[in-house]
Amino acid sequence: MRKQWRCFFCDEVFTRRQDAAEHFGCDDGCEADAPVCKIAAHEGHLVRYIRKLEDELRRRMHEDHDLHRAIYTLEAEKQREVRAAEERGYTKGVQDMKAQGFCTDPQAHKISAAA
């Protein structure tokens, strides 16, 4: 038996998940969602547009929108670049110190156990 959804307002039965989601709305937690039969919209394209806007709003509220993903990607790339620049700077500093004669003995800066 296939899964079915029945609207208790208009008694319409849906066998496709997409059709049911379009009729009922996609977000169970939103009180503003109303079944299509309760919305005074007779054109199917208007209902699809409303559901699309509801979905976009839900994604923005949960920070799961394409915009948020792009921001997170840019932040991660920037952090990688900063980390790489810091590591290059540190490596250059160590090389410069070695070139100037500092830190020639790797044991010179270790803390002794007796101290």
N, C-alpha and C. Protein backbone atom coordinates (compact mmCIF):
# COMPACT_ATOMS: atom_id res chain seq x y z
N MET A 1 0.84 -1.18 0.00
CA MET A 1 0.00 0.00 0.00
C MET A 1 0.89 1.25 0.00
N ARG A 2 0.58 2.15 -0.89
CA ARG A 2 1.33 3.39 -0.99
C ARG A 2 0.91 4.34 0.12
N LYS A 3 1.85 5.16 0.54
CA LYS A 3 1.55 6.16 1.57
C LYS A 3 0.59 7.20 1.00
N GLN A 4 -0.36 7.61 1.82
CA GLN A 4 -1.36 8.59 1.38
C GLN A 4 -1.49 9.69 2.43
N TRP A 5 -1.84 10.86 1.94
CA TRP A 5 -2.12 11.99 2.81
C TRP A 5 -3.52 12.48 2.49
N ARG A 6 -4.34 12.68 3.51
CA ARG A 6 -5.71 13.15 3.30
C ARG A 6 -5.90 14.46 4.06
N CYS A 7 -6.46 15.42 3.36
CA CYS A 7 -6.73 16.72 3.96
C CYS A 7 -8.08 16.64 4.66
N PHE A 8 -8.12 16.96 5.95
CA PHE A 8 -9.41 16.88 6.64
C PHE A 8 -10.26 18.12 6.42
N PHE A 9 -9.73 19.11 5.70
CA PHE A 9 -10.54 20.26 5.32
C PHE A 9 -11.35 19.98 4.06
N CYS A 10 -10.67 19.46 3.04
CA CYS A 10 -11.34 19.27 1.74
C CYS A 10 -11.49 17.79 1.38
N ASP A 11 -10.93 16.89 2.20
CA ASP A 11 -11.03 15.44 2.01
C ASP A 11 -10.29 14.93 0.77
N GLU A 12 -9.40 15.75 0.20
CA GLU A 12 -8.63 15.31 -0.96
C GLU A 12 -7.51 14.39 -0.50
N VAL A 13 -7.24 13.34 -1.29
CA VAL A 13 -6.21 12.35 -0.96
C VAL A 13 -5.04 12.54 -1.92
N PHE A 14 -3.83 12.52 -1.36
CA PHE A 14 -2.61 12.68 -2.15
C PHE A 14 -1.76 11.44 -2.01
N THR A 15 -1.24 10.94 -3.12
CA THR A 15 -0.38 9.77 -3.10
C THR A 15 1.07 10.14 -3.41
N ARG A 16 1.28 11.30 -3.96
CA ARG A 16 2.65 11.76 -4.23
C ARG A 16 3.06 12.75 -3.16
N ARG A 17 4.27 12.56 -2.63
CA ARG A 17 4.78 13.42 -1.57
C ARG A 17 4.81 14.89 -2.01
N GLN A 18 5.23 15.14 -3.25
CA GLN A 18 5.33 16.50 -3.76
C GLN A 18 3.95 17.18 -3.78
N ASP A 19 2.94 16.43 -4.20
CA ASP A 19 1.59 17.01 -4.24
C ASP A 19 1.08 17.32 -2.83
N ALA A 20 1.37 16.41 -1.90
CA ALA A 20 0.95 16.62 -0.52
C ALA A 20 1.68 17.82 0.09
N ALA A 21 2.98 17.92 -0.19
CA ALA A 21 3.76 19.04 0.33
C ALA A 21 3.25 20.36 -0.23
N GLU A 22 2.86 20.34 -1.49
CA GLU A 22 2.33 21.55 -2.10
C GLU A 22 0.99 21.94 -1.47
N HIS A 23 0.18 20.95 -1.15
CA HIS A 23 -1.13 21.23 -0.57
C HIS A 23 -1.03 21.66 0.89
N PHE A 24 -0.21 20.95 1.68
CA PHE A 24 -0.14 21.19 3.12
C PHE A 24 0.95 22.17 3.53
N GLY A 25 1.97 22.34 2.71
CA GLY A 25 3.15 23.11 3.10
C GLY A 25 4.21 22.14 3.58
N CYS A 26 5.45 22.58 3.58
CA CYS A 26 6.57 21.67 3.86
C CYS A 26 7.05 21.70 5.30
N ASP A 27 6.74 22.73 6.05
CA ASP A 27 7.31 22.89 7.38
C ASP A 27 6.24 22.67 8.44
N ASP A 28 6.39 21.59 9.21
CA ASP A 28 5.41 21.28 10.25
C ASP A 28 5.43 22.30 11.39
N GLY A 29 6.58 22.95 11.60
CA GLY A 29 6.71 23.85 12.73
C GLY A 29 6.16 25.24 12.49
N CYS A 30 5.76 25.55 11.30
CA CYS A 30 5.30 26.91 10.99
C CYS A 30 3.79 26.98 11.11
N GLU A 31 3.30 27.82 11.99
CA GLU A 31 1.86 27.95 12.18
C GLU A 31 1.19 28.69 11.04
N ALA A 32 1.99 29.44 10.25
CA ALA A 32 1.41 30.23 9.16
C ALA A 32 1.01 29.34 7.98
N ASP A 33 1.58 28.13 7.90
CA ASP A 33 1.22 27.24 6.80
C ASP A 33 -0.25 26.85 6.91
N ALA A 34 -0.93 26.96 5.82
CA ALA A 34 -2.33 26.54 5.76
C ALA A 34 -2.48 25.69 4.51
N PRO A 35 -3.35 24.70 4.55
CA PRO A 35 -3.55 23.91 3.33
C PRO A 35 -4.06 24.80 2.21
N VAL A 36 -3.76 24.36 1.00
CA VAL A 36 -4.16 25.13 -0.17
C VAL A 36 -5.67 25.37 -0.18
N CYS A 37 -6.44 24.40 0.25
CA CYS A 37 -7.89 24.56 0.22
C CYS A 37 -8.36 25.68 1.15
N LYS A 38 -7.53 26.06 2.13
CA LYS A 38 -7.88 27.14 3.04
C LYS A 38 -7.35 28.49 2.54
N ILE A 39 -6.41 28.45 1.59
CA ILE A 39 -5.88 29.68 1.02
C ILE A 39 -6.80 30.10 -0.11
N ALA A 40 -7.12 31.37 -0.15
CA ALA A 40 -8.02 31.85 -1.19
C ALA A 40 -7.25 32.08 -2.49
N ALA A 41 -6.64 31.01 -2.98
CA ALA A 41 -5.89 31.08 -4.23
C ALA A 41 -6.39 29.96 -5.13
N HIS A 42 -6.84 30.32 -6.28
CA HIS A 42 -7.40 29.32 -7.19
C HIS A 42 -6.42 28.92 -8.27
N GLU A 43 -5.33 29.64 -8.40
CA GLU A 43 -4.36 29.33 -9.44
C GLU A 43 -3.26 28.47 -8.84
N GLY A 44 -2.94 27.36 -9.48
CA GLY A 44 -1.89 26.47 -8.99
C GLY A 44 -0.53 27.13 -8.94
N HIS A 45 -0.23 28.00 -9.91
CA HIS A 45 1.09 28.63 -9.93
C HIS A 45 1.27 29.56 -8.72
N LEU A 46 0.20 30.19 -8.25
CA LEU A 46 0.30 31.05 -7.09
C LEU A 46 0.61 30.23 -5.84
N VAL A 47 -0.01 29.08 -5.72
CA VAL A 47 0.24 28.20 -4.58
C VAL A 47 1.69 27.71 -4.61
N ARG A 48 2.17 27.30 -5.79
CA ARG A 48 3.56 26.86 -5.89
C ARG A 48 4.52 27.98 -5.50
N TYR A 49 4.20 29.20 -5.91
CA TYR A 49 5.04 30.35 -5.57
C TYR A 49 5.04 30.59 -4.06
N ILE A 50 3.89 30.50 -3.44
CA ILE A 50 3.79 30.68 -1.99
C ILE A 50 4.60 29.61 -1.28
N ARG A 51 4.47 28.35 -1.71
CA ARG A 51 5.22 27.27 -1.08
C ARG A 51 6.72 27.46 -1.27
N LYS A 52 7.12 27.95 -2.43
CA LYS A 52 8.55 28.21 -2.69
C LYS A 52 9.06 29.28 -1.73
N LEU A 53 8.27 30.33 -1.52
CA LEU A 53 8.66 31.39 -0.60
C LEU A 53 8.73 30.87 0.85
N GLU A 54 7.77 30.02 1.22
CA GLU A 54 7.80 29.43 2.56
C GLU A 54 9.05 28.59 2.76
N ASP A 55 9.41 27.80 1.74
CA ASP A 55 10.60 26.97 1.82
C ASP A 55 11.85 27.84 1.91
N GLU A 56 11.93 28.90 1.13
CA GLU A 56 13.08 29.79 1.19
C GLU A 56 13.19 30.45 2.55
N LEU A 57 12.07 30.88 3.10
CA LEU A 57 12.07 31.48 4.44
C LEU A 57 12.55 30.48 5.49
N ARG A 58 12.06 29.24 5.40
CA ARG A 58 12.48 28.20 6.35
C ARG A 58 13.98 27.97 6.25
N ARG A 59 14.51 27.90 5.01
CA ARG A 59 15.94 27.67 4.81
C ARG A 59 16.76 28.83 5.37
N ARG A 60 16.28 30.05 5.19
CA ARG A 60 17.00 31.21 5.73
C ARG A 60 16.98 31.20 7.25
N MET A 61 15.83 30.83 7.83
CA MET A 61 15.72 30.79 9.29
C MET A 61 16.65 29.73 9.88
N HIS A 62 16.85 28.64 9.18
CA HIS A 62 17.72 27.56 9.65
C HIS A 62 19.15 27.73 9.14
N GLU A 63 19.45 28.88 8.53
CA GLU A 63 20.76 29.17 7.97
C GLU A 63 21.23 28.08 7.03
N ASP A 64 20.32 27.63 6.19
CA ASP A 64 20.61 26.56 5.24
C ASP A 64 20.38 27.06 3.80
N HIS A 65 20.42 28.35 3.62
CA HIS A 65 20.18 28.94 2.31
C HIS A 65 21.49 28.96 1.52
N ASP A 66 21.40 29.04 0.20
CA ASP A 66 22.58 29.08 -0.65
C ASP A 66 23.50 30.25 -0.26
N LEU A 67 22.91 31.36 0.14
CA LEU A 67 23.69 32.51 0.57
C LEU A 67 24.53 32.17 1.79
N HIS A 68 23.94 31.51 2.77
CA HIS A 68 24.69 31.11 3.97
C HIS A 68 25.82 30.16 3.61
N ARG A 69 25.55 29.22 2.73
CA ARG A 69 26.58 28.27 2.32
C ARG A 69 27.74 28.97 1.63
N ALA A 70 27.43 29.96 0.80
CA ALA A 70 28.49 30.72 0.13
C ALA A 70 29.33 31.50 1.15
N ILE A 71 28.66 32.07 2.15
CA ILE A 71 29.39 32.81 3.20
C ILE A 71 30.30 31.86 3.97
N TYR A 72 29.79 30.69 4.35
CA TYR A 72 30.61 29.74 5.10
C TYR A 72 31.81 29.29 4.27
N THR A 73 31.61 29.09 2.97
CA THR A 73 32.71 28.68 2.09
C THR A 73 33.77 29.77 2.03
N LEU A 74 33.35 31.02 1.86
CA LEU A 74 34.31 32.12 1.81
C LEU A 74 35.07 32.26 3.13
N GLU A 75 34.37 32.11 4.25
CA GLU A 75 35.03 32.20 5.55
C GLU A 75 36.08 31.10 5.71
N ALA A 76 35.75 29.89 5.30
CA ALA A 76 36.69 28.77 5.42
C ALA A 76 37.91 29.00 4.52
N GLU A 77 37.68 29.48 3.29
CA GLU A 77 38.80 29.76 2.39
C GLU A 77 39.69 30.85 2.97
N LYS A 78 39.11 31.89 3.54
CA LYS A 78 39.88 32.98 4.12
C LYS A 78 40.70 32.48 5.31
N GLN A 79 40.11 31.63 6.14
CA GLN A 79 40.85 31.07 7.28
C GLN A 79 42.03 30.23 6.81
N ARG A 80 41.83 29.45 5.73
CA ARG A 80 42.94 28.66 5.18
C ARG A 80 44.05 29.57 4.67
N GLU A 81 43.68 30.64 3.98
CA GLU A 81 44.68 31.57 3.45
C GLU A 81 45.45 32.24 4.57
N VAL A 82 44.76 32.67 5.61
CA VAL A 82 45.42 33.33 6.75
C VAL A 82 46.37 32.35 7.44
N ARG A 83 45.91 31.12 7.66
CA ARG A 83 46.75 30.11 8.30
C ARG A 83 48.00 29.83 7.47
N ALA A 84 47.83 29.71 6.15
CA ALA A 84 48.98 29.45 5.27
C ALA A 84 49.95 30.63 5.29
N ALA A 85 49.44 31.86 5.31
CA ALA A 85 50.31 33.05 5.36
C ALA A 85 51.07 33.09 6.68
N GLU A 86 50.40 32.76 7.78
CA GLU A 86 51.06 32.74 9.08
C GLU A 86 52.18 31.69 9.10
N GLU A 87 51.91 30.53 8.55
CA GLU A 87 52.92 29.47 8.51
C GLU A 87 54.10 29.86 7.63
N ARG A 88 53.83 30.52 6.50
CA ARG A 88 54.93 30.99 5.64
C ARG A 88 55.76 32.04 6.37
N GLY A 89 55.09 32.94 7.08
CA GLY A 89 55.80 33.97 7.83
C GLY A 89 56.66 33.38 8.94
N TYR A 90 56.12 32.40 9.64
CA TYR A 90 56.88 31.75 10.71
C TYR A 90 58.11 31.03 10.14
N THR A 91 57.90 30.30 9.05
CA THR A 91 59.00 29.57 8.41
C THR A 91 60.09 30.55 7.95
N LYS A 92 59.67 31.67 7.36
CA LYS A 92 60.64 32.68 6.91
C LYS A 92 61.39 33.26 8.10
N GLY A 93 60.69 33.51 9.20
CA GLY A 93 61.33 34.04 10.40
C GLY A 93 62.38 33.08 10.94
N VAL A 94 62.07 31.80 10.98
CA VAL A 94 63.03 30.80 11.45
C VAL A 94 64.24 30.75 10.52
N GLN A 95 63.99 30.79 9.21
CA GLN A 95 65.10 30.77 8.25
C GLN A 95 65.98 32.01 8.40
N ASP A 96 65.35 33.17 8.61
CA ASP A 96 66.12 34.41 8.80
C ASP A 96 66.97 34.33 10.06
N MET A 97 66.39 33.77 11.15
CA MET A 97 67.15 33.64 12.39
C MET A 97 68.34 32.70 12.20
N LYS A 98 68.12 31.62 11.49
CA LYS A 98 69.22 30.69 11.24
C LYS A 98 70.29 31.35 10.38
N ALA A 99 69.87 32.14 9.39
CA ALA A 99 70.83 32.82 8.52
C ALA A 99 71.65 33.85 9.29
N GLN A 100 71.09 34.42 10.36
CA GLN A 100 71.80 35.41 11.17
C GLN A 100 72.62 34.77 12.28
N GLY A 101 72.57 33.43 12.37
CA GLY A 101 73.39 32.73 13.35
C GLY A 101 72.68 32.40 14.64
N PHE A 102 71.43 32.71 14.77
CA PHE A 102 70.69 32.35 15.98
C PHE A 102 70.19 30.92 15.86
N CYS A 103 70.00 30.29 16.98
CA CYS A 103 69.41 28.95 17.06
C CYS A 103 70.18 27.91 16.26
N THR A 104 71.51 27.99 16.28
CA THR A 104 72.28 26.98 15.56
C THR A 104 72.27 25.66 16.32
N ASP A 105 72.17 25.73 17.64
CA ASP A 105 72.12 24.52 18.46
C ASP A 105 70.67 24.24 18.81
N PRO A 106 70.07 23.16 18.26
CA PRO A 106 68.65 22.89 18.53
C PRO A 106 68.37 22.62 20.00
N GLN A 107 69.40 22.23 20.79
CA GLN A 107 69.20 21.93 22.21
C GLN A 107 69.31 23.18 23.09
N ALA A 108 69.70 24.30 22.51
CA ALA A 108 69.98 25.50 23.30
C ALA A 108 68.77 26.07 24.00
N HIS A 109 67.61 25.91 23.45
CA HIS A 109 66.41 26.52 24.01
C HIS A 109 65.53 25.54 24.76
N LYS A 110 65.97 24.32 24.93
CA LYS A 110 65.17 23.36 25.68
C LYS A 110 65.32 23.63 27.17
N ILE A 111 64.24 23.42 27.90
CA ILE A 111 64.25 23.60 29.34
C ILE A 111 64.80 22.32 29.97
N SER A 112 65.78 22.49 30.81
CA SER A 112 66.37 21.29 31.43
C SER A 112 65.46 20.80 32.56
N ALA A 113 65.50 19.50 32.81
CA ALA A 113 64.67 18.90 33.83
C ALA A 113 65.12 19.31 35.22
N ALA A 114 66.41 19.66 35.40
CA ALA A 114 66.94 20.04 36.70
C ALA A 114 66.52 21.44 37.10
N ALA A 115 66.18 22.28 36.16
CA ALA A 115 65.89 23.69 36.47
C ALA A 115 64.57 23.90 37.10
